[in-house]
C-alpha cells in the first residue's frame, strides 16, 4: 500500500463499476452462445429419440441399436456436433 499511487475514491469506484459491467456483458454473450449450441444439440437428440421410437414401432423384432442407426442417418446433426 505504501508503493501504490493514490487515486480519488470516485475514480476507483468508477473503474470497479466499469469492470463489473464488462464482466457481465462477457458473461451474457457467453451464455447466449452456449444456450444456442445447447438448443441445437437438444433438438438433434430429440430427433434421434423420436425417430428411433417410430422405427422400433414398425420392427417385427425390436432392435434398439438398428433403430438408432437408422435414426442417425435420418436426423441431421448441428454443425458443432461431431
PDB file of N, CA and C in Angstrom:
ATOM      1  N   UNK A   1       0.799  -1.172   0.000  1.00  0.00           N
ATOM      2  CA  UNK A   1       0.000   0.000   0.000  1.00  0.00           C
ATOM      3  C   UNK A   1       0.853   1.251   0.000  1.00  0.00           C
ATOM      4  N   UNK A   2       2.051   1.142   0.529  1.00  0.00           N
ATOM      5  CA  UNK A   2       2.913   2.314   0.550  1.00  0.00           C
ATOM      6  C   UNK A   2       3.400   2.653  -0.847  1.00  0.00           C
ATOM      7  N   UNK A   3       3.559   1.626  -1.718  1.00  0.00           N
ATOM      8  CA  UNK A   3       4.066   1.869  -3.057  1.00  0.00           C
ATOM      9  C   UNK A   3       2.982   2.170  -4.073  1.00  0.00           C
ATOM     10  N   UNK A   4       1.703   2.012  -3.711  1.00  0.00           N
ATOM     11  CA  UNK A   4       0.614   2.232  -4.654  1.00  0.00           C
ATOM     12  C   UNK A   4       0.286   3.716  -4.754  1.00  0.00           C
ATOM     13  N   UNK A   5       0.028   4.194  -5.982  1.00  0.00           N
ATOM     14  CA  UNK A   5      -0.368   5.592  -6.119  1.00  0.00           C
ATOM     15  C   UNK A   5      -1.783   5.787  -5.577  1.00  0.00           C
ATOM     16  N   UNK A   6      -2.010   6.944  -5.034  1.00  0.00           N
ATOM     17  CA  UNK A   6      -3.331   7.252  -4.507  1.00  0.00           C
ATOM     18  C   UNK A   6      -4.243   7.700  -5.637  1.00  0.00           C
ATOM     19  N   UNK A   7      -5.465   7.195  -5.627  1.00  0.00           N
ATOM     20  CA  UNK A   7      -6.450   7.581  -6.629  1.00  0.00           C
ATOM     21  C   UNK A   7      -7.661   8.133  -5.904  1.00  0.00           C
ATOM     22  N   UNK A   8      -8.339   9.074  -6.518  1.00  0.00           N
ATOM     23  CA  UNK A   8      -9.555   9.587  -5.897  1.00  0.00           C
ATOM     24  C   UNK A   8     -10.566   8.454  -5.712  1.00  0.00           C
ATOM     25  N   UNK A   9     -11.327   8.517  -4.636  1.00  0.00           N
ATOM     26  CA  UNK A   9     -12.281   7.451  -4.321  1.00  0.00           C
ATOM     27  C   UNK A   9     -13.290   7.248  -5.441  1.00  0.00           C
ATOM     28  N   UNK A  10     -13.752   8.309  -6.060  1.00  0.00           N
ATOM     29  CA  UNK A  10     -14.729   8.196  -7.140  1.00  0.00           C
ATOM     30  C   UNK A  10     -14.178   7.456  -8.341  1.00  0.00           C
ATOM     31  N   UNK A  11     -12.907   7.685  -8.671  1.00  0.00           N
ATOM     32  CA  UNK A  11     -12.295   7.028  -9.822  1.00  0.00           C
ATOM     33  C   UNK A  11     -12.190   5.526  -9.595  1.00  0.00           C
ATOM     34  N   UNK A  12     -11.863   5.126  -8.375  1.00  0.00           N
ATOM     35  CA  UNK A  12     -11.750   3.702  -8.060  1.00  0.00           C
ATOM     36  C   UNK A  12     -13.102   3.013  -8.193  1.00  0.00           C
ATOM     37  N   UNK A  13     -14.137   3.645  -7.682  1.00  0.00           N
ATOM     38  CA  UNK A  13     -15.477   3.070  -7.778  1.00  0.00           C
ATOM     39  C   UNK A  13     -15.936   3.010  -9.232  1.00  0.00           C
ATOM     40  N   UNK A  14     -15.584   4.022 -10.007  1.00  0.00           N
ATOM     41  CA  UNK A  14     -15.954   4.059 -11.416  1.00  0.00           C
ATOM     42  C   UNK A  14     -15.276   2.916 -12.167  1.00  0.00           C
ATOM     43  N   UNK A  15     -13.985   2.702 -11.908  1.00  0.00           N
ATOM     44  CA  UNK A  15     -13.252   1.607 -12.555  1.00  0.00           C
ATOM     45  C   UNK A  15     -13.851   0.261 -12.175  1.00  0.00           C
ATOM     46  N   UNK A  16     -14.184   0.106 -10.915  1.00  0.00           N
ATOM     47  CA  UNK A  16     -14.789  -1.142 -10.458  1.00  0.00           C
ATOM     48  C   UNK A  16     -16.130  -1.368 -11.140  1.00  0.00           C
ATOM     49  N   UNK A  17     -16.930  -0.326 -11.248  1.00  0.00           N
ATOM     50  CA  UNK A  17     -18.238  -0.450 -11.890  1.00  0.00           C
ATOM     51  C   UNK A  17     -18.090  -0.804 -13.364  1.00  0.00           C
ATOM     52  N   UNK A  18     -17.147  -0.176 -14.044  1.00  0.00           N
ATOM     53  CA  UNK A  18     -16.918  -0.471 -15.463  1.00  0.00           C
ATOM     54  C   UNK A  18     -16.422  -1.899 -15.632  1.00  0.00           C
ATOM     55  N   UNK A  19     -15.519  -2.324 -14.765  1.00  0.00           N
ATOM     56  CA  UNK A  19     -15.013  -3.698 -14.834  1.00  0.00           C
ATOM     57  C   UNK A  19     -16.137  -4.705 -14.626  1.00  0.00           C
ATOM     58  N   UNK A  20     -16.992  -4.447 -13.664  1.00  0.00           N
ATOM     59  CA  UNK A  20     -18.114  -5.349 -13.396  1.00  0.00           C
ATOM     60  C   UNK A  20     -19.084  -5.375 -14.570  1.00  0.00           C
ATOM     61  N   UNK A  21     -19.306  -4.224 -15.196  1.00  0.00           N
ATOM     62  CA  UNK A  21     -20.184  -4.160 -16.353  1.00  0.00           C
ATOM     63  C   UNK A  21     -19.612  -4.988 -17.499  1.00  0.00           C
ATOM     64  N   UNK A  22     -18.313  -4.857 -17.751  1.00  0.00           N
ATOM     65  CA  UNK A  22     -17.685  -5.633 -18.819  1.00  0.00           C
ATOM     66  C   UNK A  22     -17.752  -7.129 -18.538  1.00  0.00           C
ATOM     67  N   UNK A  23     -17.558  -7.518 -17.299  1.00  0.00           N
ATOM     68  CA  UNK A  23     -17.670  -8.934 -16.935  1.00  0.00           C
ATOM     69  C   UNK A  23     -19.091  -9.427 -17.186  1.00  0.00           C
ATOM     70  N   UNK A  24     -20.083  -8.633 -16.818  1.00  0.00           N
ATOM     71  CA  UNK A  24     -21.481  -9.016 -17.018  1.00  0.00           C
ATOM     72  C   UNK A  24     -21.809  -9.154 -18.503  1.00  0.00           C
ATOM     73  N   UNK A  25     -21.304  -8.239 -19.324  1.00  0.00           N
ATOM     74  CA  UNK A  25     -21.548  -8.303 -20.769  1.00  0.00           C
ATOM     75  C   UNK A  25     -20.896  -9.545 -21.358  1.00  0.00           C
ATOM     76  N   UNK A  26     -19.661  -9.822 -20.966  1.00  0.00           N
ATOM     77  CA  UNK A  26     -18.973 -11.020 -21.470  1.00  0.00           C
ATOM     78  C   UNK A  26     -19.716 -12.281 -21.057  1.00  0.00           C
ATOM     79  N   UNK A  27     -20.178 -12.327 -19.825  1.00  0.00           N
ATOM     80  CA  UNK A  27     -20.915 -13.484 -19.334  1.00  0.00           C
ATOM     81  C   UNK A  27     -22.224 -13.655 -20.096  1.00  0.00           C
ATOM     82  N   UNK A  28     -22.922 -12.566 -20.370  1.00  0.00           N
ATOM     83  CA  UNK A  28     -24.177 -12.638 -21.118  1.00  0.00           C
ATOM     84  C   UNK A  28     -23.941 -13.158 -22.531  1.00  0.00           C
ATOM     85  N   UNK A  29     -22.892 -12.690 -23.181  1.00  0.00           N
ATOM     86  CA  UNK A  29     -22.570 -13.160 -24.533  1.00  0.00           C
ATOM     87  C   UNK A  29     -22.241 -14.647 -24.506  1.00  0.00           C
ATOM     88  N   UNK A  30     -21.448 -15.059 -23.534  1.00  0.00           N
ATOM     89  CA  UNK A  30     -21.084 -16.473 -23.412  1.00  0.00           C
ATOM     90  C   UNK A  30     -22.324 -17.335 -23.192  1.00  0.00           C
ATOM     91  N   UNK A  31     -23.227 -16.890 -22.322  1.00  0.00           N
ATOM     92  CA  UNK A  31     -24.428 -17.673 -22.027  1.00  0.00           C
ATOM     93  C   UNK A  31     -25.329 -17.783 -23.256  1.00  0.00           C
ATOM     94  N   UNK A  32     -25.411 -16.737 -24.056  1.00  0.00           N
ATOM     95  CA  UNK A  32     -26.214 -16.805 -25.272  1.00  0.00           C
ATOM     96  C   UNK A  32     -25.613 -17.800 -26.248  1.00  0.00           C
ATOM     97  N   UNK A  33     -24.289 -17.806 -26.366  1.00  0.00           N
ATOM     98  CA  UNK A  33     -23.631 -18.734 -27.282  1.00  0.00           C
ATOM     99  C   UNK A  33     -23.822 -20.171 -26.819  1.00  0.00           C
ATOM    100  N   UNK A  34     -23.653 -20.424 -25.549  1.00  0.00           N
ATOM    101  CA  UNK A  34     -23.812 -21.775 -25.013  1.00  0.00           C
ATOM    102  C   UNK A  34     -25.267 -22.210 -25.122  1.00  0.00           C
ATOM    103  N   UNK A  35     -26.184 -21.308 -24.839  1.00  0.00           N
ATOM    104  CA  UNK A  35     -27.602 -21.644 -24.929  1.00  0.00           C
ATOM    105  C   UNK A  35     -28.017 -22.015 -26.333  1.00  0.00           C
ATOM    106  N   UNK A  36     -27.521 -21.322 -27.330  1.00  0.00           N
ATOM    107  CA  UNK A  36     -27.840 -21.629 -28.719  1.00  0.00           C
ATOM    108  C   UNK A  36     -27.302 -22.991 -29.104  1.00  0.00           C
ATOM    109  N   UNK A  37     -26.082 -23.297 -28.716  1.00  0.00           N
ATOM    110  CA  UNK A  37     -25.498 -24.599 -29.025  1.00  0.00           C
ATOM    111  C   UNK A  37     -26.268 -25.705 -28.328  1.00  0.00           C
ATOM    112  N   UNK A  38     -26.659 -25.483 -27.094  1.00  0.00           N
ATOM    113  CA  UNK A  38     -27.400 -26.498 -26.347  1.00  0.00           C
ATOM    114  C   UNK A  38     -28.759 -26.747 -26.986  1.00  0.00           C
ATOM    115  N   UNK A  39     -29.429 -25.707 -27.461  1.00  0.00           N
ATOM    116  CA  UNK A  39     -30.725 -25.884 -28.104  1.00  0.00           C
ATOM    117  C   UNK A  39     -30.596 -26.746 -29.345  1.00  0.00           C
ATOM    118  N   UNK A  40     -29.586 -26.520 -30.160  1.00  0.00           N
ATOM    119  CA  UNK A  40     -29.385 -27.300 -31.376  1.00  0.00           C
ATOM    120  C   UNK A  40     -29.081 -28.757 -31.035  1.00  0.00           C
ATOM    121  N   UNK A  41     -28.257 -28.973 -30.023  1.00  0.00           N
ATOM    122  CA  UNK A  41     -27.941 -30.340 -29.609  1.00  0.00           C
ATOM    123  C   UNK A  41     -29.171 -31.028 -29.032  1.00  0.00           C
ATOM    124  N   UNK A  42     -29.963 -30.304 -28.252  1.00  0.00           N
ATOM    125  CA  UNK A  42     -31.187 -30.874 -27.689  1.00  0.00           C
ATOM    126  C   UNK A  42     -32.157 -31.273 -28.796  1.00  0.00           C
ATOM    127  N   UNK A  43     -32.295 -30.430 -29.811  1.00  0.00           N
ATOM    128  CA  UNK A  43     -33.173 -30.745 -30.937  1.00  0.00           C
ATOM    129  C   UNK A  43     -32.694 -31.993 -31.667  1.00  0.00           C
ATOM    130  N   UNK A  44     -31.393 -32.129 -31.835  1.00  0.00           N
ATOM    131  CA  UNK A  44     -30.824 -33.295 -32.515  1.00  0.00           C
ATOM    132  C   UNK A  44     -31.105 -34.571 -31.723  1.00  0.00           C
ATOM    133  N   UNK A  45     -30.865 -34.537 -30.422  1.00  0.00           N
ATOM    134  CA  UNK A  45     -31.109 -35.717 -29.583  1.00  0.00           C
ATOM    135  C   UNK A  45     -32.595 -36.059 -29.571  1.00  0.00           C
ATOM    136  N   UNK A  46     -33.454 -35.054 -29.517  1.00  0.00           N
ATOM    137  CA  UNK A  46     -34.896 -35.298 -29.554  1.00  0.00           C
ATOM    138  C   UNK A  46     -35.299 -35.948 -30.874  1.00  0.00           C
ATOM    139  N   UNK A  47     -34.707 -35.502 -31.969  1.00  0.00           N
ATOM    140  CA  UNK A  47     -34.974 -36.104 -33.276  1.00  0.00           C
ATOM    141  C   UNK A  47     -34.545 -37.565 -33.285  1.00  0.00           C
ATOM    142  N   UNK A  48     -33.352 -37.846 -32.749  1.00  0.00           N
ATOM    143  CA  UNK A  48     -32.864 -39.228 -32.695  1.00  0.00           C
ATOM    144  C   UNK A  48     -33.820 -40.123 -31.911  1.00  0.00           C
ATOM    145  N   UNK A  49     -34.225 -39.673 -30.739  1.00  0.00           N
ATOM    146  CA  UNK A  49     -35.091 -40.491 -29.882  1.00  0.00           C
ATOM    147  C   UNK A  49     -36.455 -40.700 -30.532  1.00  0.00           C
ATOM    148  N   UNK A  50     -37.044 -39.629 -31.043  1.00  0.00           N
ATOM    149  CA  UNK A  50     -38.366 -39.722 -31.658  1.00  0.00           C
ATOM    150  C   UNK A  50     -38.342 -40.621 -32.891  1.00  0.00           C
ATOM    151  N   UNK A  51     -37.357 -40.428 -33.748  1.00  0.00           N
ATOM    152  CA  UNK A  51     -37.259 -41.217 -34.970  1.00  0.00           C
ATOM    153  C   UNK A  51     -36.975 -42.680 -34.657  1.00  0.00           C
ATOM    154  N   UNK A  52     -36.078 -42.944 -33.720  1.00  0.00           N
ATOM    155  CA  UNK A  52     -35.771 -44.328 -33.342  1.00  0.00           C
ATOM    156  C   UNK A  52     -37.006 -45.011 -32.755  1.00  0.00           C
ATOM    157  N   UNK A  53     -37.785 -44.289 -31.976  1.00  0.00           N
ATOM    158  CA  UNK A  53     -39.011 -44.868 -31.406  1.00  0.00           C
ATOM    159  C   UNK A  53     -40.007 -45.229 -32.503  1.00  0.00           C
ATOM    160  N   UNK A  54     -40.159 -44.354 -33.491  1.00  0.00           N
ATOM    161  CA  UNK A  54     -41.064 -44.646 -34.608  1.00  0.00           C
ATOM    162  C   UNK A  54     -40.581 -45.849 -35.407  1.00  0.00           C
ATOM    163  N   UNK A  55     -39.274 -45.951 -35.613  1.00  0.00           N
ATOM    164  CA  UNK A  55     -38.709 -47.083 -36.354  1.00  0.00           C
ATOM    165  C   UNK A  55     -38.928 -48.376 -35.574  1.00  0.00           C
ATOM    166  N   UNK A  56     -38.715 -48.336 -34.267  1.00  0.00           N
ATOM    167  CA  UNK A  56     -38.897 -49.543 -33.456  1.00  0.00           C
ATOM    168  C   UNK A  56     -40.344 -50.021 -33.465  1.00  0.00           C
ATOM    169  N   UNK A  57     -41.304 -49.094 -33.561  1.00  0.00           N
ATOM    170  CA  UNK A  57     -42.715 -49.498 -33.607  1.00  0.00           C
ATOM    171  C   UNK A  57     -43.015 -50.326 -34.847  1.00  0.00           C
ATOM    172  N   UNK A  58     -42.285 -50.057 -35.929  1.00  0.00           N
ATOM    173  CA  UNK A  58     -42.531 -50.793 -37.172  1.00  0.00           C
ATOM    174  C   UNK A  58     -41.704 -52.073 -37.279  1.00  0.00           C
ATOM    175  N   UNK A  59     -40.782 -52.298 -36.354  1.00  0.00           N
ATOM    176  CA  UNK A  59     -39.952 -53.502 -36.394  1.00  0.00           C
ATOM    177  C   UNK A  59     -40.728 -54.696 -35.840  1.00  0.00           C
ATOM    178  N   UNK A  60     -40.582 -55.848 -36.520  1.00  0.00           N
ATOM    179  CA  UNK A  60     -41.188 -57.078 -36.014  1.00  0.00           C
ATOM    180  C   UNK A  60     -40.405 -57.540 -34.790  1.00  0.00           C
ATOM    181  N   UNK A  61     -39.085 -57.624 -34.941  1.00  0.00           N
ATOM    182  CA  UNK A  61     -38.200 -57.943 -33.820  1.00  0.00           C
ATOM    183  C   UNK A  61     -37.569 -56.627 -33.383  1.00  0.00           C
ATOM    184  N   UNK A  62     -37.888 -56.201 -32.183  1.00  0.00           N
ATOM    185  CA  UNK A  62     -37.421 -54.900 -31.688  1.00  0.00           C
ATOM    186  C   UNK A  62     -35.908 -54.912 -31.475  1.00  0.00           C
ATOM    187  N   UNK A  63     -35.221 -53.987 -32.157  1.00  0.00           N
ATOM    188  CA  UNK A  63     -33.765 -53.855 -32.030  1.00  0.00           C
ATOM    189  C   UNK A  63     -33.442 -52.366 -31.930  1.00  0.00           C
ATOM    190  N   UNK A  64     -33.146 -51.933 -30.712  1.00  0.00           N
ATOM    191  CA  UNK A  64     -32.894 -50.510 -30.473  1.00  0.00           C
ATOM    192  C   UNK A  64     -31.650 -50.011 -31.199  1.00  0.00           C
ATOM    193  N   UNK A  65     -30.610 -50.839 -31.282  1.00  0.00           N
ATOM    194  CA  UNK A  65     -29.366 -50.415 -31.936  1.00  0.00           C
ATOM    195  C   UNK A  65     -29.596 -50.144 -33.420  1.00  0.00           C
ATOM    196  N   UNK A  66     -30.331 -51.028 -34.076  1.00  0.00           N
ATOM    197  CA  UNK A  66     -30.619 -50.835 -35.504  1.00  0.00           C
ATOM    198  C   UNK A  66     -31.499 -49.599 -35.694  1.00  0.00           C
ATOM    199  N   UNK A  67     -32.483 -49.430 -34.831  1.00  0.00           N
ATOM    200  CA  UNK A  67     -33.366 -48.265 -34.930  1.00  0.00           C
ATOM    201  C   UNK A  67     -32.580 -46.973 -34.744  1.00  0.00           C
ATOM    202  N   UNK A  68     -31.647 -46.965 -33.805  1.00  0.00           N
ATOM    203  CA  UNK A  68     -30.839 -45.768 -33.570  1.00  0.00           C
ATOM    204  C   UNK A  68     -29.915 -45.478 -34.752  1.00  0.00           C
ATOM    205  N   UNK A  69     -29.352 -46.520 -35.358  1.00  0.00           N
ATOM    206  CA  UNK A  69     -28.500 -46.316 -36.543  1.00  0.00           C
ATOM    207  C   UNK A  69     -29.300 -45.711 -37.690  1.00  0.00           C
ATOM    208  N   UNK A  70     -30.514 -46.217 -37.906  1.00  0.00           N
ATOM    209  CA  UNK A  70     -31.360 -45.670 -38.971  1.00  0.00           C
ATOM    210  C   UNK A  70     -31.759 -44.226 -38.654  1.00  0.00           C
ATOM    211  N   UNK A  71     -32.059 -43.957 -37.398  1.00  0.00           N
ATOM    212  CA  UNK A  71     -32.429 -42.595 -36.994  1.00  0.00           C
ATOM    213  C   UNK A  71     -31.257 -41.638 -37.194  1.00  0.00           C
ATOM    214  N   UNK A  72     -30.040 -42.111 -36.931  1.00  0.00           N
ATOM    215  CA  UNK A  72     -28.854 -41.264 -37.107  1.00  0.00           C
ATOM    216  C   UNK A  72     -28.655 -40.897 -38.574  1.00  0.00           C
ATOM    217  N   UNK A  73     -29.076 -41.774 -39.483  1.00  0.00           N
ATOM    218  CA  UNK A  73     -28.972 -41.456 -40.913  1.00  0.00           C
ATOM    219  C   UNK A  73     -30.032 -40.445 -41.341  1.00  0.00           C
ATOM    220  N   UNK A  74     -31.154 -40.423 -40.629  1.00  0.00           N
ATOM    221  CA  UNK A  74     -32.258 -39.524 -40.983  1.00  0.00           C
ATOM    222  C   UNK A  74     -32.067 -38.133 -40.375  1.00  0.00           C
ATOM    223  N   UNK A  75     -31.729 -38.081 -39.094  1.00  0.00           N
ATOM    224  CA  UNK A  75     -31.582 -36.799 -38.387  1.00  0.00           C
ATOM    225  C   UNK A  75     -30.237 -36.161 -38.724  1.00  0.00           C
ATOM    226  N   UNK A  76     -30.274 -34.900 -39.027  1.00  0.00           N
ATOM    227  CA  UNK A  76     -29.048 -34.173 -39.360  1.00  0.00           C
ATOM    228  C   UNK A  76     -28.496 -33.488 -38.114  1.00  0.00           C
ATOM    229  N   UNK A  77     -27.241 -33.794 -37.743  1.00  0.00           N
ATOM    230  CA  UNK A  77     -26.662 -33.158 -36.553  1.00  0.00           C
ATOM    231  C   UNK A  77     -26.333 -31.689 -36.821  1.00  0.00           C
ATOM    232  N   UNK A  78     -26.380 -30.865 -35.776  1.00  0.00           N
ATOM    233  CA  UNK A  78     -25.968 -29.469 -35.952  1.00  0.00           C
ATOM    234  C   UNK A  78     -24.472 -29.408 -36.239  1.00  0.00           C
ATOM    235  N   UNK A  79     -23.986 -28.324 -36.822  1.00  0.00           N
ATOM    236  CA  UNK A  79     -22.579 -28.237 -37.243  1.00  0.00           C
ATOM    237  C   UNK A  79     -21.565 -28.467 -36.129  1.00  0.00           C
ATOM    238  N   UNK A  80     -21.846 -28.068 -34.899  1.00  0.00           N
ATOM    239  CA  UNK A  80     -20.848 -28.197 -33.846  1.00  0.00           C
ATOM    240  C   UNK A  80     -20.809 -29.592 -33.241  1.00  0.00           C
ATOM    241  N   UNK A  81     -21.748 -30.479 -33.590  1.00  0.00           N
ATOM    242  CA  UNK A  81     -21.756 -31.846 -33.064  1.00  0.00           C
ATOM    243  C   UNK A  81     -20.995 -32.734 -34.033  1.00  0.00           C
ATOM    244  N   UNK A  82     -20.002 -33.466 -33.512  1.00  0.00           N
ATOM    245  CA  UNK A  82     -19.238 -34.369 -34.378  1.00  0.00           C
ATOM    246  C   UNK A  82     -19.321 -35.779 -33.873  1.00  0.00           C
TER     247      UNK A  82
END
